Amino acid sequence: MSNRSAASASVIPVILNRASGTVKDLSAEALKELLLVEGAAAGLCLDIYLVQPGEVEGVFWKLVEKKVPEIWVGGGDGSVLTAAALLRKSGIVLGVLPFGTFNLLARDLGISMDPAEAVRSLAKASVEAIDVAEVNGHPFLCAAQLGFFPALASRQEEFHGRQWWRKLLIGATALVKSYFRYPELALQLEHKDGKPQKWKTRSLTVSNNVYAESIGLVPARDSLKDGKMGIYVSRHHSWFSLLKGALWTLIGRQREDEGMLFFELAEFTLKSRRPRHVPATLDGEKLELRTPLHFKIHSHSLKVRKPNPRAKSTQERVESFS
């Protein structure tokens, strides 16, 4: 892909979501000034839009209609997903400033969680085309989750600004309290390369490209453009099995978890007789999906800025979530 520096663009629009954690923590005006200073030092001219959550899509549409070559967005995974839904297949390059709670895509792209360093790294980043997955026409960049996960999505504010060990404690407590309260989903997986499979589960995750075997509180992906989704079906039926599975995930060895089924597919369908509508989260955003659920992946359909990779130590992977 192109190694053209972002500095060669005359003006780069930057959309900041006022409701995102970093914007609220630093104050919108202070963060705006920081970005302008760091951008100028990197040879960039940043045109910053401070918007409310409900205004993000409208501002993006106006910029898309102007056919700008590049747009950056500062916010959480929801803001990034809104941007991706509008920009995919447009040819417009997306730059991600990780100002939310989890910042899943930014972490997999290797973008620093520090605002100043994020600007500097994007200024020198190359352009890559990554995959976009979708379910029933709804895109997602990181993961779609069914089952008890949507019940946890409303608690994500409890994670913001806390140290990694407190996030681990909060997450583990919520997991234990929520998992066995949620009714099992009776699902059938169908795809062109094999026989249908049926199982009951309280938790199913579909990742846009498979998770890597790496240590961390949130599963990471080595590649964002391999054209396959990872399907992780929980079959845990006891507290011990569930906590053991969480440990396997923490140390990056999900596939060794005996209570987890794993599939790797580019397109498939999930059917369910009951319920007809299934609560889901797409990159942390809650919605209800009507079954059957049709999943497919669009290879190389979104252009993003990706800093040059640098190997992280185990300690850095853990601390990056703090």
Protein backbone atom coordinates (compact mmCIF):
# COMPACT_ATOMS: atom_id res chain seq x y z
CA MET A 1 0.00 0.00 0.00
CA SER A 2 0.93 3.64 -0.25
CA ASN A 3 3.56 5.05 2.10
CA ARG A 4 2.46 8.61 1.37
CA SER A 5 2.72 10.71 4.53
CA ALA A 6 -0.42 12.29 5.91
CA ALA A 7 1.54 15.54 5.88
CA SER A 8 1.12 15.74 2.11
CA ALA A 9 -2.63 16.37 2.54
CA SER A 10 -3.46 20.10 2.65
CA VAL A 11 -6.18 19.88 5.31
CA ILE A 12 -7.28 16.83 7.32
CA PRO A 13 -10.73 17.01 8.95
CA VAL A 14 -10.76 15.61 12.50
CA ILE A 15 -14.11 14.74 14.10
CA LEU A 16 -14.03 14.61 17.90
CA ASN A 17 -16.91 13.04 19.80
CA ARG A 18 -17.51 15.24 22.86
CA ALA A 19 -18.93 12.27 24.80
CA SER A 20 -15.84 10.08 24.47
CA GLY A 21 -13.84 9.40 27.61
CA THR A 22 -10.60 11.17 26.67
CA VAL A 23 -12.42 14.28 25.43
CA LYS A 24 -14.30 14.55 28.73
CA ASP A 25 -11.21 13.82 30.82
CA LEU A 26 -8.97 16.42 29.19
CA SER A 27 -11.79 18.87 28.24
CA ALA A 28 -12.71 19.38 24.61
CA GLU A 29 -10.93 22.70 24.13
CA ALA A 30 -7.71 21.52 25.79
CA LEU A 31 -7.63 18.40 23.64
CA LYS A 32 -8.37 20.41 20.52
CA GLU A 33 -5.42 22.72 21.27
CA LEU A 34 -3.16 19.72 21.93
CA LEU A 35 -4.07 18.14 18.60
CA LEU A 36 -3.52 21.38 16.70
CA VAL A 37 -0.09 21.87 18.26
CA GLU A 38 1.01 18.28 17.68
CA GLY A 39 -0.41 18.30 14.17
CA ALA A 40 1.43 21.49 13.24
CA ALA A 41 4.66 20.06 14.67
CA ALA A 42 4.18 17.02 12.42
CA GLY A 43 3.53 19.21 9.39
CA LEU A 44 -0.24 18.71 9.35
CA CYS A 45 -3.11 21.15 9.02
CA LEU A 46 -5.93 19.72 11.14
CA ASP A 47 -9.47 21.05 10.83
CA ILE A 48 -11.16 19.96 14.07
CA TYR A 49 -14.91 19.45 14.51
CA LEU A 50 -16.16 19.10 18.10
CA VAL A 51 -19.52 17.34 17.87
CA GLN A 52 -22.11 15.65 20.06
CA PRO A 53 -22.64 11.87 19.60
CA GLY A 54 -25.81 12.35 17.56
CA GLU A 55 -24.03 14.73 15.18
CA VAL A 56 -21.12 12.47 14.20
CA GLU A 57 -22.85 10.82 11.25
CA GLY A 58 -24.17 14.11 9.85
CA VAL A 59 -20.72 15.73 9.89
CA PHE A 60 -19.24 12.68 8.19
CA TRP A 61 -21.87 12.80 5.44
CA LYS A 62 -21.03 16.44 4.69
CA LEU A 63 -17.33 15.63 4.43
CA VAL A 64 -17.98 12.59 2.25
CA GLU A 65 -20.07 14.72 -0.09
CA LYS A 66 -17.13 17.12 -0.36
CA LYS A 67 -15.00 14.14 -1.44
CA VAL A 68 -12.20 14.88 1.00
CA PRO A 69 -9.33 12.38 0.63
CA GLU A 70 -8.97 11.65 4.35
CA ILE A 71 -10.88 11.96 7.64
CA TRP A 72 -9.72 11.30 11.19
CA VAL A 73 -12.11 10.46 14.01
CA GLY A 74 -11.44 10.81 17.72
CA GLY A 75 -13.76 8.80 19.92
CA GLY A 76 -14.59 5.28 20.99
CA ASP A 77 -15.32 2.17 18.98
CA GLY A 78 -18.86 3.39 18.26
CA SER A 79 -17.60 6.55 16.58
CA VAL A 80 -15.07 4.55 14.58
CA LEU A 81 -17.77 2.11 13.47
CA THR A 82 -20.00 5.01 12.35
CA ALA A 83 -17.09 6.33 10.31
CA ALA A 84 -16.32 2.96 8.77
CA ALA A 85 -19.95 2.38 7.75
CA LEU A 86 -19.86 5.61 5.74
CA LEU A 87 -16.31 5.44 4.39
CA ARG A 88 -15.95 1.81 3.33
CA LYS A 89 -15.68 1.41 -0.42
CA SER A 90 -15.47 5.22 -0.77
CA GLY A 91 -11.69 5.38 -1.11
CA ILE A 92 -11.53 7.96 1.70
CA VAL A 93 -8.80 7.14 4.22
CA LEU A 94 -9.77 6.83 7.89
CA GLY A 95 -7.44 7.84 10.70
CA VAL A 96 -8.32 6.65 14.22
CA LEU A 97 -7.57 8.67 17.36
CA PRO A 98 -8.30 6.31 20.31
CA PHE A 99 -10.31 8.46 22.72
CA GLY A 100 -12.84 5.88 23.97
CA THR A 101 -12.95 3.16 26.61
CA PHE A 102 -11.62 0.06 24.87
CA ASN A 103 -10.38 1.41 21.50
CA LEU A 104 -10.28 -2.07 19.99
CA LEU A 105 -9.46 -1.20 16.38
CA ALA A 106 -6.86 1.38 17.39
CA ARG A 107 -5.05 -1.22 19.52
CA ASP A 108 -4.96 -3.73 16.66
CA LEU A 109 -3.71 -1.02 14.30
CA GLY A 110 -0.89 -0.24 16.75
CA ILE A 111 -1.96 3.33 17.47
CA SER A 112 -0.76 4.81 20.76
CA MET A 113 -3.33 5.53 23.47
CA ASP A 114 -1.54 8.82 24.20
CA PRO A 115 -3.24 11.64 22.21
CA ALA A 116 -0.04 13.44 21.27
CA GLU A 117 1.76 10.26 20.25
CA ALA A 118 -1.32 9.12 18.31
CA VAL A 119 -1.16 12.24 16.13
CA ARG A 120 2.57 11.81 15.56
CA SER A 121 2.18 8.15 14.63
CA LEU A 122 -0.71 8.81 12.23
CA ALA A 123 1.31 11.55 10.54
CA LYS A 124 3.95 8.99 9.60
CA ALA A 125 1.60 6.06 9.03
CA SER A 126 1.09 4.25 5.76
CA VAL A 127 -2.29 3.43 4.21
CA GLU A 128 -3.66 -0.10 4.28
CA ALA A 129 -6.97 -1.59 3.19
CA ILE A 130 -8.54 -3.74 5.93
CA ASP A 131 -11.54 -6.07 6.04
CA VAL A 132 -15.03 -5.08 7.13
CA ALA A 133 -17.37 -7.80 8.41
CA GLU A 134 -21.14 -7.52 8.51
CA VAL A 135 -24.22 -9.26 9.86
CA ASN A 136 -27.60 -8.67 8.22
CA GLY A 137 -26.18 -5.57 6.56
CA HIS A 138 -24.75 -4.08 9.78
CA PRO A 139 -20.95 -3.64 9.55
CA PHE A 140 -18.46 -4.30 12.33
CA LEU A 141 -14.70 -3.86 12.44
CA CYS A 142 -13.77 -5.87 15.52
CA ALA A 143 -16.37 -8.28 16.87
CA ALA A 144 -20.05 -9.18 16.93
CA GLN A 145 -21.20 -10.74 20.18
CA LEU A 146 -24.41 -12.61 21.00
CA GLY A 147 -25.77 -13.87 24.28
CA PHE A 148 -24.92 -12.38 27.63
CA PHE A 149 -22.37 -9.87 26.27
CA PRO A 150 -24.98 -7.19 25.45
CA ALA A 151 -25.97 -7.17 29.13
CA LEU A 152 -22.39 -6.18 29.98
CA ALA A 153 -22.14 -3.42 27.37
CA SER A 154 -23.98 -0.94 29.60
CA ARG A 155 -21.20 -1.30 32.19
CA GLN A 156 -18.33 -0.19 29.95
CA GLU A 157 -18.11 3.23 31.63
CA GLU A 158 -16.93 1.44 34.77
CA PHE A 159 -13.73 0.52 32.94
CA HIS A 160 -12.71 3.99 31.77
CA GLY A 161 -9.70 5.53 33.43
CA ARG A 162 -9.03 2.57 35.73
CA GLN A 163 -5.83 0.58 36.11
CA TRP A 164 -5.62 -2.72 34.26
CA TRP A 165 -5.96 -4.86 37.41
CA ARG A 166 -9.17 -3.05 38.42
CA LYS A 167 -10.56 -3.54 34.91
CA LEU A 168 -9.74 -7.24 35.23
CA LEU A 169 -11.51 -7.45 38.59
CA ILE A 170 -14.60 -5.58 37.35
CA GLY A 171 -14.74 -7.67 34.20
CA ALA A 172 -14.35 -10.99 36.01
CA THR A 173 -17.02 -10.07 38.58
CA ALA A 174 -19.48 -8.99 35.88
CA LEU A 175 -18.74 -12.16 33.89
CA VAL A 176 -19.52 -14.44 36.80
CA LYS A 177 -22.69 -12.54 37.78
CA SER A 178 -24.11 -12.35 34.24
CA TYR A 179 -23.18 -15.54 32.43
CA PHE A 180 -25.41 -18.13 34.05
CA ARG A 181 -28.33 -15.74 34.43
CA TYR A 182 -28.63 -15.45 30.67
CA PRO A 183 -30.80 -18.07 28.91
CA GLU A 184 -29.12 -20.34 26.37
CA LEU A 185 -29.52 -19.64 22.67
CA ALA A 186 -30.32 -22.63 20.45
CA LEU A 187 -28.40 -21.92 17.24
CA GLN A 188 -27.63 -23.72 14.01
CA LEU A 189 -24.58 -22.79 11.93
CA GLU A 190 -24.79 -23.28 8.17
CA HIS A 191 -22.08 -22.68 5.57
CA LYS A 192 -21.23 -23.94 2.12
CA ASP A 193 -18.16 -25.95 3.16
CA GLY A 194 -19.70 -28.31 5.71
CA LYS A 195 -22.71 -29.84 7.39
CA PRO A 196 -24.98 -27.73 9.61
CA GLN A 197 -24.07 -27.79 13.28
CA LYS A 198 -26.42 -27.25 16.23
CA TRP A 199 -25.61 -26.26 19.79
CA LYS A 200 -26.87 -24.27 22.73
CA THR A 201 -24.75 -21.42 24.04
CA ARG A 202 -24.92 -18.39 26.30
CA SER A 203 -22.14 -16.60 24.47
CA LEU A 204 -20.98 -16.46 20.86
CA THR A 205 -18.35 -14.11 19.44
CA VAL A 206 -17.61 -13.51 15.77
CA SER A 207 -14.32 -11.69 15.24
CA ASN A 208 -13.42 -9.82 12.07
CA ASN A 209 -10.26 -11.88 11.38
CA VAL A 210 -9.24 -14.43 13.97
CA TYR A 211 -7.73 -13.64 17.36
CA ALA A 212 -4.02 -14.05 17.84
CA GLU A 213 -2.42 -16.17 20.53
CA SER A 214 -1.23 -13.23 22.60
CA ILE A 215 -1.41 -12.22 26.24
CA GLY A 216 -3.86 -9.45 27.09
CA LEU A 217 -7.11 -8.53 28.79
CA VAL A 218 -8.76 -8.04 25.40
CA PRO A 219 -8.07 -10.51 22.57
CA ALA A 220 -5.90 -9.00 19.82
CA ARG A 221 -5.63 -9.73 16.11
CA ASP A 222 -2.36 -10.05 14.22
CA SER A 223 -4.00 -9.38 10.86
CA LEU A 224 -6.98 -7.25 9.81
CA LYS A 225 -7.03 -8.36 6.18
CA ASP A 226 -6.98 -12.17 5.96
CA GLY A 227 -10.59 -12.37 4.78
CA LYS A 228 -11.83 -14.80 7.44
CA MET A 229 -13.96 -14.47 10.57
CA GLY A 230 -13.28 -16.35 13.79
CA ILE A 231 -16.35 -17.90 15.44
CA TYR A 232 -16.02 -18.68 19.15
CA VAL A 233 -18.89 -20.61 20.73
CA SER A 234 -18.92 -20.95 24.51
CA ARG A 235 -19.98 -24.38 25.82
CA HIS A 236 -19.12 -23.70 29.47
CA HIS A 237 -21.61 -25.29 31.86
CA SER A 238 -20.02 -24.65 35.25
CA TRP A 239 -18.36 -21.79 37.14
CA PHE A 240 -15.04 -23.64 37.11
CA SER A 241 -15.21 -24.23 33.35
CA LEU A 242 -16.11 -20.58 32.72
CA LEU A 243 -13.27 -19.17 34.83
CA LYS A 244 -10.84 -21.65 33.31
CA GLY A 245 -11.93 -20.46 29.87
CA ALA A 246 -11.41 -16.83 30.90
CA LEU A 247 -7.86 -17.74 31.95
CA TRP A 248 -7.15 -19.40 28.60
CA THR A 249 -8.37 -16.20 26.90
CA LEU A 250 -6.23 -14.01 29.16
CA ILE A 251 -3.05 -15.87 28.19
CA GLY A 252 -3.98 -15.96 24.50
CA ARG A 253 -4.72 -19.68 24.18
CA GLN A 254 -8.47 -19.67 23.50
CA ARG A 255 -8.25 -22.67 21.17
CA GLU A 256 -7.01 -24.89 24.01
CA ASP A 257 -10.17 -24.18 25.98
CA GLU A 258 -12.18 -27.42 25.99
CA GLY A 259 -15.36 -25.44 26.61
CA MET A 260 -14.98 -23.38 23.41
CA LEU A 261 -15.83 -24.36 19.84
CA PHE A 262 -13.89 -22.57 17.10
CA PHE A 263 -14.61 -22.08 13.39
CA GLU A 264 -12.93 -19.96 10.72
CA LEU A 265 -15.17 -18.88 7.82
CA ALA A 266 -15.63 -16.09 5.28
CA GLU A 267 -19.44 -16.40 5.15
CA PHE A 268 -22.04 -18.29 7.17
CA THR A 269 -25.57 -18.16 8.60
CA LEU A 270 -26.84 -18.62 12.14
CA LYS A 271 -30.43 -19.79 12.50
CA SER A 272 -32.61 -19.86 15.60
CA ARG A 273 -36.23 -20.84 16.14
CA ARG A 274 -36.39 -19.00 19.45
CA PRO A 275 -35.86 -16.20 20.07
CA ARG A 276 -36.52 -14.58 16.71
CA HIS A 277 -34.78 -11.40 17.81
CA VAL A 278 -31.34 -11.75 19.41
CA PRO A 279 -29.61 -9.03 21.50
CA ALA A 280 -26.16 -8.31 20.12
CA THR A 281 -23.25 -5.92 20.31
CA LEU A 282 -21.26 -4.82 17.28
CA ASP A 283 -17.96 -3.30 18.42
CA GLY A 284 -19.64 -2.59 21.75
CA GLU A 285 -22.76 -0.95 20.26
CA LYS A 286 -26.01 -2.64 21.35
CA LEU A 287 -28.80 -3.61 18.96
CA GLU A 288 -31.29 -6.39 18.29
CA LEU A 289 -30.91 -8.61 15.23
CA ARG A 290 -33.66 -10.69 13.65
CA THR A 291 -32.70 -14.26 12.83
CA PRO A 292 -31.48 -15.80 10.62
CA LEU A 293 -28.17 -13.97 10.95
CA HIS A 294 -26.15 -13.75 7.74
CA PHE A 295 -22.45 -13.04 8.31
CA LYS A 296 -19.95 -12.21 5.58
CA ILE A 297 -16.66 -10.41 5.25
CA HIS A 298 -15.67 -7.76 2.70
CA SER A 299 -11.96 -8.03 2.05
CA HIS A 300 -9.83 -4.89 1.86
CA SER A 301 -12.87 -2.59 1.78
CA LEU A 302 -11.78 0.16 4.20
CA LYS A 303 -8.64 2.28 3.90
CA VAL A 304 -7.04 3.20 7.21
CA ARG A 305 -3.85 4.77 8.49
CA LYS A 306 -1.67 2.15 10.15
CA PRO A 307 1.60 3.04 11.91
CA ASN A 308 4.62 0.89 11.17
CA PRO A 309 4.45 -2.17 13.43
CA ARG A 310 6.64 -2.52 16.48
CA ALA A 311 6.74 -5.67 18.54
CA LYS A 312 5.32 -5.25 22.04
CA SER A 313 6.58 -6.96 25.14
CA THR A 314 4.21 -8.89 27.40
CA GLN A 315 4.30 -6.06 29.96
CA GLU A 316 3.45 -3.47 27.30
CA ARG A 317 0.45 -5.52 26.13
CA VAL A 318 -0.93 -5.61 29.67
CA GLU A 319 -0.21 -1.95 30.44
CA SER A 320 -1.73 -0.75 27.15
CA PHE A 321 -5.15 -1.65 28.55
CA SER A 322 -4.66 0.48 31.68
